[in-house]
Amino acid sequence: GAIGFAINSATGAHAIAVSDAEALAAVAFAFRTLKLVVEPG
């Protein structure tokens, strides 16, 4: 979105990308270890 992009650019945000497999592994870790239910996104 244009509004958010202007803010994120001004505040110097960084970005990383993760695979679907890594997102699902994090869901499993959250469930098993943290005892929290989290969706992939």
PDB file of all heavy atoms in Angstrom:
ATOM      1  N   GLY A   1       0.830  -1.194   0.000  1.00  0.00           N
ATOM      2  CA  GLY A   1       0.000   0.000   0.000  1.00  0.00           C
ATOM      3  C   GLY A   1       0.867   1.247   0.000  1.00  0.00           C
ATOM      4  O   GLY A   1       1.927   1.277   0.626  1.00  0.00           O
ATOM      5  N   ALA A   2       0.433   2.278  -0.695  1.00  0.00           N
ATOM      6  CA  ALA A   2       1.250   3.484  -0.852  1.00  0.00           C
ATOM      7  C   ALA A   2       1.508   4.185   0.482  1.00  0.00           C
ATOM      8  O   ALA A   2       2.623   4.676   0.728  1.00  0.00           O
ATOM      9  CB  ALA A   2       0.573   4.442  -1.824  1.00  0.00           C
ATOM     10  N   ILE A   3       0.502   4.241   1.336  1.00  0.00           N
ATOM     11  CA  ILE A   3       0.670   4.952   2.612  1.00  0.00           C
ATOM     12  C   ILE A   3       1.691   4.238   3.485  1.00  0.00           C
ATOM     13  O   ILE A   3       2.638   4.841   3.999  1.00  0.00           O
ATOM     14  CB  ILE A   3      -0.679   5.074   3.357  1.00  0.00           C
ATOM     15  CG1 ILE A   3      -1.697   5.840   2.506  1.00  0.00           C
ATOM     16  CG2 ILE A   3      -0.484   5.772   4.704  1.00  0.00           C
ATOM     17  CD1 ILE A   3      -3.105   5.820   3.091  1.00  0.00           C
ATOM     18  N   GLY A   4       1.518   2.939   3.637  1.00  0.00           N
ATOM     19  CA  GLY A   4       2.443   2.172   4.462  1.00  0.00           C
ATOM     20  C   GLY A   4       3.839   2.123   3.886  1.00  0.00           C
ATOM     21  O   GLY A   4       4.831   2.148   4.629  1.00  0.00           O
ATOM     22  N   PHE A   5       3.939   2.048   2.551  1.00  0.00           N
ATOM     23  CA  PHE A   5       5.265   1.990   1.937  1.00  0.00           C
ATOM     24  C   PHE A   5       6.055   3.264   2.211  1.00  0.00           C
ATOM     25  O   PHE A   5       7.264   3.213   2.487  1.00  0.00           O
ATOM     26  CB  PHE A   5       5.149   1.764   0.426  1.00  0.00           C
ATOM     27  CG  PHE A   5       6.487   1.680  -0.265  1.00  0.00           C
ATOM     28  CD1 PHE A   5       7.330   0.595  -0.042  1.00  0.00           C
ATOM     29  CD2 PHE A   5       6.909   2.690  -1.121  1.00  0.00           C
ATOM     30  CE1 PHE A   5       8.571   0.519  -0.663  1.00  0.00           C
ATOM     31  CE2 PHE A   5       8.143   2.613  -1.744  1.00  0.00           C
ATOM     32  CZ  PHE A   5       8.971   1.530  -1.511  1.00  0.00           C
ATOM     33  N   ALA A   6       5.387   4.403   2.165  1.00  0.00           N
ATOM     34  CA  ALA A   6       6.072   5.661   2.467  1.00  0.00           C
ATOM     35  C   ALA A   6       6.580   5.658   3.907  1.00  0.00           C
ATOM     36  O   ALA A   6       7.707   6.112   4.181  1.00  0.00           O
ATOM     37  CB  ALA A   6       5.121   6.835   2.239  1.00  0.00           C
ATOM     38  N   ILE A   7       5.785   5.122   4.825  1.00  0.00           N
ATOM     39  CA  ILE A   7       6.203   5.076   6.234  1.00  0.00           C
ATOM     40  C   ILE A   7       7.350   4.098   6.423  1.00  0.00           C
ATOM     41  O   ILE A   7       8.365   4.418   7.054  1.00  0.00           O
ATOM     42  CB  ILE A   7       5.013   4.694   7.127  1.00  0.00           C
ATOM     43  CG1 ILE A   7       3.933   5.778   7.083  1.00  0.00           C
ATOM     44  CG2 ILE A   7       5.470   4.465   8.575  1.00  0.00           C
ATOM     45  CD1 ILE A   7       2.629   5.386   7.751  1.00  0.00           C
ATOM     46  N   ASN A   8       7.203   2.876   5.879  1.00  0.00           N
ATOM     47  CA  ASN A   8       8.252   1.870   6.042  1.00  0.00           C
ATOM     48  C   ASN A   8       9.562   2.310   5.403  1.00  0.00           C
ATOM     49  O   ASN A   8      10.642   2.003   5.915  1.00  0.00           O
ATOM     50  CB  ASN A   8       7.793   0.535   5.452  1.00  0.00           C
ATOM     51  CG  ASN A   8       6.883  -0.239   6.384  1.00  0.00           C
ATOM     52  OD1 ASN A   8       7.129  -0.303   7.578  1.00  0.00           O
ATOM     53  ND2 ASN A   8       5.832  -0.833   5.838  1.00  0.00           N
ATOM     54  N   SER A   9       9.486   3.035   4.306  1.00  0.00           N
ATOM     55  CA  SER A   9      10.697   3.553   3.676  1.00  0.00           C
ATOM     56  C   SER A   9      11.357   4.610   4.561  1.00  0.00           C
ATOM     57  O   SER A   9      12.575   4.615   4.744  1.00  0.00           O
ATOM     58  CB  SER A   9      10.360   4.154   2.303  1.00  0.00           C
ATOM     59  OG  SER A   9       9.846   3.182   1.429  1.00  0.00           O
ATOM     60  N   ALA A  10      10.530   5.487   5.123  1.00  0.00           N
ATOM     61  CA  ALA A  10      11.058   6.578   5.946  1.00  0.00           C
ATOM     62  C   ALA A  10      11.664   6.070   7.252  1.00  0.00           C
ATOM     63  O   ALA A  10      12.633   6.656   7.758  1.00  0.00           O
ATOM     64  CB  ALA A  10       9.951   7.589   6.232  1.00  0.00           C
ATOM     65  N   THR A  11      11.105   4.979   7.800  1.00  0.00           N
ATOM     66  CA  THR A  11      11.601   4.471   9.079  1.00  0.00           C
ATOM     67  C   THR A  11      12.742   3.465   8.917  1.00  0.00           C
ATOM     68  O   THR A  11      13.272   2.962   9.910  1.00  0.00           O
ATOM     69  CB  THR A  11      10.464   3.817   9.888  1.00  0.00           C
ATOM     70  OG1 THR A  11       9.856   2.780   9.113  1.00  0.00           O
ATOM     71  CG2 THR A  11       9.416   4.856  10.273  1.00  0.00           C
ATOM     72  N   GLY A  12      13.109   3.165   7.676  1.00  0.00           N
ATOM     73  CA  GLY A  12      14.258   2.290   7.438  1.00  0.00           C
ATOM     74  C   GLY A  12      14.010   0.824   7.692  1.00  0.00           C
ATOM     75  O   GLY A  12      14.907   0.098   8.127  1.00  0.00           O
ATOM     76  N   ALA A  13      12.806   0.347   7.388  1.00  0.00           N
ATOM     77  CA  ALA A  13      12.479  -1.065   7.603  1.00  0.00           C
ATOM     78  C   ALA A  13      13.314  -1.964   6.695  1.00  0.00           C
ATOM     79  O   ALA A  13      13.710  -1.580   5.591  1.00  0.00           O
ATOM     80  CB  ALA A  13      10.993  -1.298   7.341  1.00  0.00           C
ATOM     81  N   HIS A  14      13.581  -3.179   7.187  1.00  0.00           N
ATOM     82  CA  HIS A  14      14.261  -4.220   6.419  1.00  0.00           C
ATOM     83  C   HIS A  14      13.247  -5.321   6.100  1.00  0.00           C
ATOM     84  O   HIS A  14      12.174  -5.375   6.697  1.00  0.00           O
ATOM     85  CB  HIS A  14      15.422  -4.817   7.211  1.00  0.00           C
ATOM     86  CG  HIS A  14      16.320  -3.789   7.823  1.00  0.00           C
ATOM     87  ND1 HIS A  14      17.322  -3.154   7.114  1.00  0.00           N
ATOM     88  CD2 HIS A  14      16.376  -3.281   9.075  1.00  0.00           C
ATOM     89  CE1 HIS A  14      17.957  -2.299   7.905  1.00  0.00           C
ATOM     90  NE2 HIS A  14      17.396  -2.356   9.107  1.00  0.00           N
ATOM     91  N   ALA A  15      13.594  -6.219   5.175  1.00  0.00           N
ATOM     92  CA  ALA A  15      12.667  -7.291   4.823  1.00  0.00           C
ATOM     93  C   ALA A  15      13.410  -8.594   4.579  1.00  0.00           C
ATOM     94  O   ALA A  15      14.538  -8.605   4.081  1.00  0.00           O
ATOM     95  CB  ALA A  15      11.860  -6.920   3.579  1.00  0.00           C
ATOM     96  N   ILE A  16      12.755  -9.694   4.960  1.00  0.00           N
ATOM     97  CA  ILE A  16      13.246 -11.037   4.664  1.00  0.00           C
ATOM     98  C   ILE A  16      12.080 -11.844   4.102  1.00  0.00           C
ATOM     99  O   ILE A  16      10.918 -11.463   4.264  1.00  0.00           O
ATOM    100  CB  ILE A  16      13.797 -11.742   5.922  1.00  0.00           C
ATOM    101  CG1 ILE A  16      12.679 -11.907   6.975  1.00  0.00           C
ATOM    102  CG2 ILE A  16      14.982 -10.989   6.500  1.00  0.00           C
ATOM    103  CD1 ILE A  16      13.019 -12.863   8.086  1.00  0.00           C
ATOM    104  N   ALA A  17      12.392 -12.961   3.432  1.00  0.00           N
ATOM    105  CA  ALA A  17      11.359 -13.846   2.904  1.00  0.00           C
ATOM    106  C   ALA A  17      11.612 -15.265   3.390  1.00  0.00           C
ATOM    107  O   ALA A  17      12.760 -15.693   3.522  1.00  0.00           O
ATOM    108  CB  ALA A  17      11.338 -13.807   1.378  1.00  0.00           C
ATOM    109  N   VAL A  18      10.527 -15.993   3.656  1.00  0.00           N
ATOM    110  CA  VAL A  18      10.632 -17.378   4.119  1.00  0.00           C
ATOM    111  C   VAL A  18       9.796 -18.270   3.208  1.00  0.00           C
ATOM    112  O   VAL A  18       8.837 -17.821   2.575  1.00  0.00           O
ATOM    113  CB  VAL A  18      10.173 -17.531   5.583  1.00  0.00           C
ATOM    114  CG1 VAL A  18      10.999 -16.649   6.493  1.00  0.00           C
ATOM    115  CG2 VAL A  18       8.691 -17.229   5.738  1.00  0.00           C
ATOM    116  N   SER A  19      10.169 -19.542   3.149  1.00  0.00           N
ATOM    117  CA  SER A  19       9.462 -20.496   2.309  1.00  0.00           C
ATOM    118  C   SER A  19       8.195 -20.984   2.999  1.00  0.00           C
ATOM    119  O   SER A  19       8.031 -20.853   4.220  1.00  0.00           O
ATOM    120  CB  SER A  19      10.365 -21.683   1.993  1.00  0.00           C
ATOM    121  OG  SER A  19      10.618 -22.440   3.174  1.00  0.00           O
ATOM    122  N   ASP A  20       7.317 -21.603   2.223  1.00  0.00           N
ATOM    123  CA  ASP A  20       6.128 -22.217   2.802  1.00  0.00           C
ATOM    124  C   ASP A  20       6.516 -23.289   3.814  1.00  0.00           C
ATOM    125  O   ASP A  20       5.880 -23.423   4.875  1.00  0.00           O
ATOM    126  CB  ASP A  20       5.265 -22.834   1.702  1.00  0.00           C
ATOM    127  CG  ASP A  20       4.318 -21.831   1.054  1.00  0.00           C
ATOM    128  OD1 ASP A  20       4.403 -20.620   1.382  1.00  0.00           O
ATOM    129  OD2 ASP A  20       3.501 -22.247   0.214  1.00  0.00           O
ATOM    130  N   ALA A  21       7.546 -24.069   3.477  1.00  0.00           N
ATOM    131  CA  ALA A  21       7.983 -25.128   4.391  1.00  0.00           C
ATOM    132  C   ALA A  21       8.448 -24.545   5.717  1.00  0.00           C
ATOM    133  O   ALA A  21       8.171 -25.101   6.796  1.00  0.00           O
ATOM    134  CB  ALA A  21       9.096 -25.947   3.744  1.00  0.00           C
ATOM    135  N   GLU A  22       9.161 -23.420   5.661  1.00  0.00           N
ATOM    136  CA  GLU A  22       9.632 -22.773   6.892  1.00  0.00           C
ATOM    137  C   GLU A  22       8.468 -22.193   7.689  1.00  0.00           C
ATOM    138  O   GLU A  22       8.464 -22.252   8.925  1.00  0.00           O
ATOM    139  CB  GLU A  22      10.656 -21.699   6.549  1.00  0.00           C
ATOM    140  CG  GLU A  22      11.979 -22.274   6.073  1.00  0.00           C
ATOM    141  CD  GLU A  22      12.889 -21.254   5.417  1.00  0.00           C
ATOM    142  OE1 GLU A  22      12.382 -20.233   4.900  1.00  0.00           O
ATOM    143  OE2 GLU A  22      14.111 -21.496   5.394  1.00  0.00           O
ATOM    144  N   ALA A  23       7.469 -21.648   6.995  1.00  0.00           N
ATOM    145  CA  ALA A  23       6.291 -21.128   7.694  1.00  0.00           C
ATOM    146  C   ALA A  23       5.536 -22.253   8.384  1.00  0.00           C
ATOM    147  O   ALA A  23       5.107 -22.113   9.542  1.00  0.00           O
ATOM    148  CB  ALA A  23       5.380 -20.402   6.709  1.00  0.00           C
ATOM    149  N   LEU A  24       5.377 -23.384   7.716  1.00  0.00           N
ATOM    150  CA  LEU A  24       4.690 -24.524   8.322  1.00  0.00           C
ATOM    151  C   LEU A  24       5.492 -25.096   9.488  1.00  0.00           C
ATOM    152  O   LEU A  24       4.918 -25.512  10.510  1.00  0.00           O
ATOM    153  CB  LEU A  24       4.439 -25.604   7.267  1.00  0.00           C
ATOM    154  CG  LEU A  24       3.368 -25.268   6.226  1.00  0.00           C
ATOM    155  CD1 LEU A  24       3.373 -26.299   5.106  1.00  0.00           C
ATOM    156  CD2 LEU A  24       1.989 -25.172   6.864  1.00  0.00           C
ATOM    157  N   ALA A  25       6.816 -25.106   9.364  1.00  0.00           N
ATOM    158  CA  ALA A  25       7.653 -25.571  10.475  1.00  0.00           C
ATOM    159  C   ALA A  25       7.483 -24.666  11.689  1.00  0.00           C
ATOM    160  O   ALA A  25       7.482 -25.130  12.834  1.00  0.00           O
ATOM    161  CB  ALA A  25       9.113 -25.624  10.042  1.00  0.00           C
ATOM    162  N   ALA A  26       7.331 -23.365  11.442  1.00  0.00           N
ATOM    163  CA  ALA A  26       7.115 -22.421  12.547  1.00  0.00           C
ATOM    164  C   ALA A  26       5.748 -22.639  13.187  1.00  0.00           C
ATOM    165  O   ALA A  26       5.592 -22.529  14.412  1.00  0.00           O
ATOM    166  CB  ALA A  26       7.245 -20.989  12.043  1.00  0.00           C
ATOM    167  N   VAL A  27       4.735 -22.957  12.379  1.00  0.00           N
ATOM    168  CA  VAL A  27       3.407 -23.292  12.914  1.00  0.00           C
ATOM    169  C   VAL A  27       3.516 -24.504  13.844  1.00  0.00           C
ATOM    170  O   VAL A  27       2.955 -24.512  14.952  1.00  0.00           O
ATOM    171  CB  VAL A  27       2.417 -23.583  11.762  1.00  0.00           C
ATOM    172  CG1 VAL A  27       1.125 -24.203  12.297  1.00  0.00           C
ATOM    173  CG2 VAL A  27       2.111 -22.310  10.984  1.00  0.00           C
ATOM    174  N   ALA A  28       4.246 -25.526  13.395  1.00  0.00           N
ATOM    175  CA  ALA A  28       4.415 -26.737  14.199  1.00  0.00           C
ATOM    176  C   ALA A  28       5.193 -26.445  15.479  1.00  0.00           C
ATOM    177  O   ALA A  28       4.853 -26.952  16.557  1.00  0.00           O
ATOM    178  CB  ALA A  28       5.124 -27.812  13.375  1.00  0.00           C
ATOM    179  N   PHE A  29       6.233 -25.618  15.382  1.00  0.00           N
ATOM    180  CA  PHE A  29       7.025 -25.253  16.558  1.00  0.00           C
ATOM    181  C   PHE A  29       6.161 -24.499  17.565  1.00  0.00           C
ATOM    182  O   PHE A  29       6.220 -24.758  18.776  1.00  0.00           O
ATOM    183  CB  PHE A  29       8.215 -24.393  16.143  1.00  0.00           C
ATOM    184  CG  PHE A  29       9.092 -23.974  17.289  1.00  0.00           C
ATOM    185  CD1 PHE A  29      10.155 -24.756  17.708  1.00  0.00           C
ATOM    186  CD2 PHE A  29       8.863 -22.776  17.967  1.00  0.00           C
ATOM    187  CE1 PHE A  29      10.958 -24.385  18.771  1.00  0.00           C
ATOM    188  CE2 PHE A  29       9.652 -22.390  19.032  1.00  0.00           C
ATOM    189  CZ  PHE A  29      10.710 -23.204  19.436  1.00  0.00           C
ATOM    190  N   ALA A  30       5.356 -23.573  17.066  1.00  0.00           N
ATOM    191  CA  ALA A  30       4.488 -22.806  17.957  1.00  0.00           C
ATOM    192  C   ALA A  30       3.510 -23.727  18.680  1.00  0.00           C
ATOM    193  O   ALA A  30       3.261 -23.580  19.886  1.00  0.00           O
ATOM    194  CB  ALA A  30       3.728 -21.738  17.171  1.00  0.00           C
ATOM    195  N   PHE A  31       2.965 -24.705  17.958  1.00  0.00           N
ATOM    196  CA  PHE A  31       1.989 -25.626  18.554  1.00  0.00           C
ATOM    197  C   PHE A  31       2.649 -26.551  19.571  1.00  0.00           C
ATOM    198  O   PHE A  31       2.168 -26.693  20.706  1.00  0.00           O
ATOM    199  CB  PHE A  31       1.325 -26.440  17.444  1.00  0.00           C
ATOM    200  CG  PHE A  31       0.207 -27.319  17.919  1.00  0.00           C
ATOM    201  CD1 PHE A  31      -1.065 -26.811  18.089  1.00  0.00           C
ATOM    202  CD2 PHE A  31       0.432 -28.661  18.188  1.00  0.00           C
ATOM    203  CE1 PHE A  31      -2.110 -27.622  18.529  1.00  0.00           C
ATOM    204  CE2 PHE A  31      -0.600 -29.482  18.630  1.00  0.00           C
ATOM    205  CZ  PHE A  31      -1.873 -28.958  18.799  1.00  0.00           C
ATOM    206  N   ARG A  32       3.767 -27.151  19.173  1.00  0.00           N
ATOM    207  CA  ARG A  32       4.392 -28.161  20.024  1.00  0.00           C
ATOM    208  C   ARG A  32       5.169 -27.561  21.200  1.00  0.00           C
ATOM    209  O   ARG A  32       5.101 -28.064  22.326  1.00  0.00           O
ATOM    210  CB  ARG A  32       5.343 -29.013  19.182  1.00  0.00           C
ATOM    211  CG  ARG A  32       4.676 -29.910  18.162  1.00  0.00           C
ATOM    212  CD  ARG A  32       5.665 -30.891  17.581  1.00  0.00           C
ATOM    213  NE  ARG A  32       5.027 -31.834  16.665  1.00  0.00           N
ATOM    214  CZ  ARG A  32       5.236 -31.847  15.349  1.00  0.00           C
ATOM    215  NH1 ARG A  32       6.064 -30.979  14.800  1.00  0.00           N
ATOM    216  NH2 ARG A  32       4.624 -32.734  14.579  1.00  0.00           N
ATOM    217  N   THR A  33       5.909 -26.507  20.932  1.00  0.00           N
ATOM    218  CA  THR A  33       6.838 -25.981  21.934  1.00  0.00           C
ATOM    219  C   THR A  33       6.273 -24.785  22.693  1.00  0.00           C
ATOM    220  O   THR A  33       6.415 -24.692  23.914  1.00  0.00           O
ATOM    221  CB  THR A  33       8.171 -25.588  21.267  1.00  0.00           C
ATOM    222  OG1 THR A  33       8.696 -26.726  20.561  1.00  0.00           O
ATOM    223  CG2 THR A  33       9.189 -25.112  22.294  1.00  0.00           C
ATOM    224  N   LEU A  34       5.638 -23.874  21.971  1.00  0.00           N
ATOM    225  CA  LEU A  34       5.113 -22.668  22.609  1.00  0.00           C
ATOM    226  C   LEU A  34       3.694 -22.861  23.122  1.00  0.00           C
ATOM    227  O   LEU A  34       3.203 -22.036  23.895  1.00  0.00           O
ATOM    228  CB  LEU A  34       5.129 -21.500  21.613  1.00  0.00           C
ATOM    229  CG  LEU A  34       6.475 -21.199  20.943  1.00  0.00           C
ATOM    230  CD1 LEU A  34       6.319 -20.068  19.931  1.00  0.00           C
ATOM    231  CD2 LEU A  34       7.534 -20.863  21.980  1.00  0.00           C
ATOM    232  N   LYS A  35       3.047 -23.940  22.678  1.00  0.00           N
ATOM    233  CA  LYS A  35       1.648 -24.229  23.046  1.00  0.00           C
ATOM    234  C   LYS A  35       0.715 -23.123  22.568  1.00  0.00           C
ATOM    235  O   LYS A  35      -0.241 -22.740  23.244  1.00  0.00           O
ATOM    236  CB  LYS A  35       1.495 -24.444  24.560  1.00  0.00           C
ATOM    237  CG  LYS A  35       2.504 -25.419  25.150  1.00  0.00           C
ATOM    238  CD  LYS A  35       2.508 -26.764  24.421  1.00  0.00           C
ATOM    239  CE  LYS A  35       3.555 -27.710  24.985  1.00  0.00           C
ATOM    240  NZ  LYS A  35       3.681 -28.964  24.184  1.00  0.00           N
ATOM    241  N   LEU A  36       0.991 -22.629  21.350  1.00  0.00           N
ATOM    242  CA  LEU A  36       0.195 -21.572  20.746  1.00  0.00           C
ATOM    243  C   LEU A  36      -0.243 -22.008  19.347  1.00  0.00           C
ATOM    244  O   LEU A  36       0.517 -22.633  18.609  1.00  0.00           O
ATOM    245  CB  LEU A  36       1.014 -20.279  20.627  1.00  0.00           C
ATOM    246  CG  LEU A  36       1.391 -19.588  21.940  1.00  0.00           C
ATOM    247  CD1 LEU A  36       2.419 -18.481  21.677  1.00  0.00           C
ATOM    248  CD2 LEU A  36       0.161 -19.014  22.626  1.00  0.00           C
ATOM    249  N   VAL A  37      -1.468 -21.657  18.979  1.00  0.00           N
ATOM    250  CA  VAL A  37      -1.983 -21.926  17.646  1.00  0.00           C
ATOM    251  C   VAL A  37      -1.768 -20.687  16.784  1.00  0.00           C
ATOM    252  O   VAL A  37      -2.278 -19.609  17.094  1.00  0.00           O
ATOM    253  CB  VAL A  37      -3.476 -22.297  17.689  1.00  0.00           C
ATOM    254  CG1 VAL A  37      -4.012 -22.489  16.270  1.00  0.00           C
ATOM    255  CG2 VAL A  37      -3.690 -23.562  18.512  1.00  0.00           C
ATOM    256  N   VAL A  38      -1.001 -20.856  15.708  1.00  0.00           N
ATOM    257  CA  VAL A  38      -0.666 -19.742  14.819  1.00  0.00           C
ATOM    258  C   VAL A  38      -0.862 -20.196  13.374  1.00  0.00           C
ATOM    259  O   VAL A  38      -0.509 -21.324  13.023  1.00  0.00           O
ATOM    260  CB  VAL A  38       0.795 -19.279  15.019  1.00  0.00           C
ATOM    261  CG1 VAL A  38       1.068 -18.004  14.220  1.00  0.00           C
ATOM    262  CG2 VAL A  38       1.094 -19.057  16.485  1.00  0.00           C
ATOM    263  N   GLU A  39      -1.446 -19.353  12.547  1.00  0.00           N
ATOM    264  CA  GLU A  39      -1.601 -19.679  11.133  1.00  0.00           C
ATOM    265  C   GLU A  39      -0.288 -19.415  10.397  1.00  0.00           C
ATOM    266  O   GLU A  39       0.578 -18.670  10.901  1.00  0.00           O
ATOM    267  CB  GLU A  39      -2.736 -18.858  10.529  1.00  0.00           C
ATOM    268  CG  GLU A  39      -2.497 -17.350  10.517  1.00  0.00           C
ATOM    269  CD  GLU A  39      -3.733 -16.593  10.068  1.00  0.00           C
ATOM    270  OE1 GLU A  39      -3.954 -16.520   8.850  1.00  0.00           O
ATOM    271  OE2 GLU A  39      -4.488 -16.099  10.948  1.00  0.00           O
ATOM    272  N   PRO A  40      -0.098 -19.976   9.186  1.00  0.00           N
ATOM    273  CA  PRO A  40       1.174 -19.791   8.489  1.00  0.00           C
ATOM    274  C   PRO A  40       1.559 -18.331   8.277  1.00  0.00           C
ATOM    275  O   PRO A  40       2.711 -17.942   8.521  1.00  0.00           O
ATOM    276  CB  PRO A  40       0.947 -20.522   7.159  1.00  0.00           C
ATOM    277  CG  PRO A  40      -0.040 -21.584   7.490  1.00  0.00           C
ATOM    278  CD  PRO A  40      -0.974 -20.945   8.495  1.00  0.00           C
ATOM    279  N   GLY A  41       0.618 -17.510   7.821  1.00  0.00           N
ATOM    280  CA  GLY A  41       0.936 -16.098   7.622  1.00  0.00           C
ATOM    281  C   GLY A  41       1.287 -15.393   8.911  1.00  0.00           C
ATOM    282  O   GLY A  41       2.089 -14.453   8.909  1.00  0.00           O
TER     283      GLY A  41
END
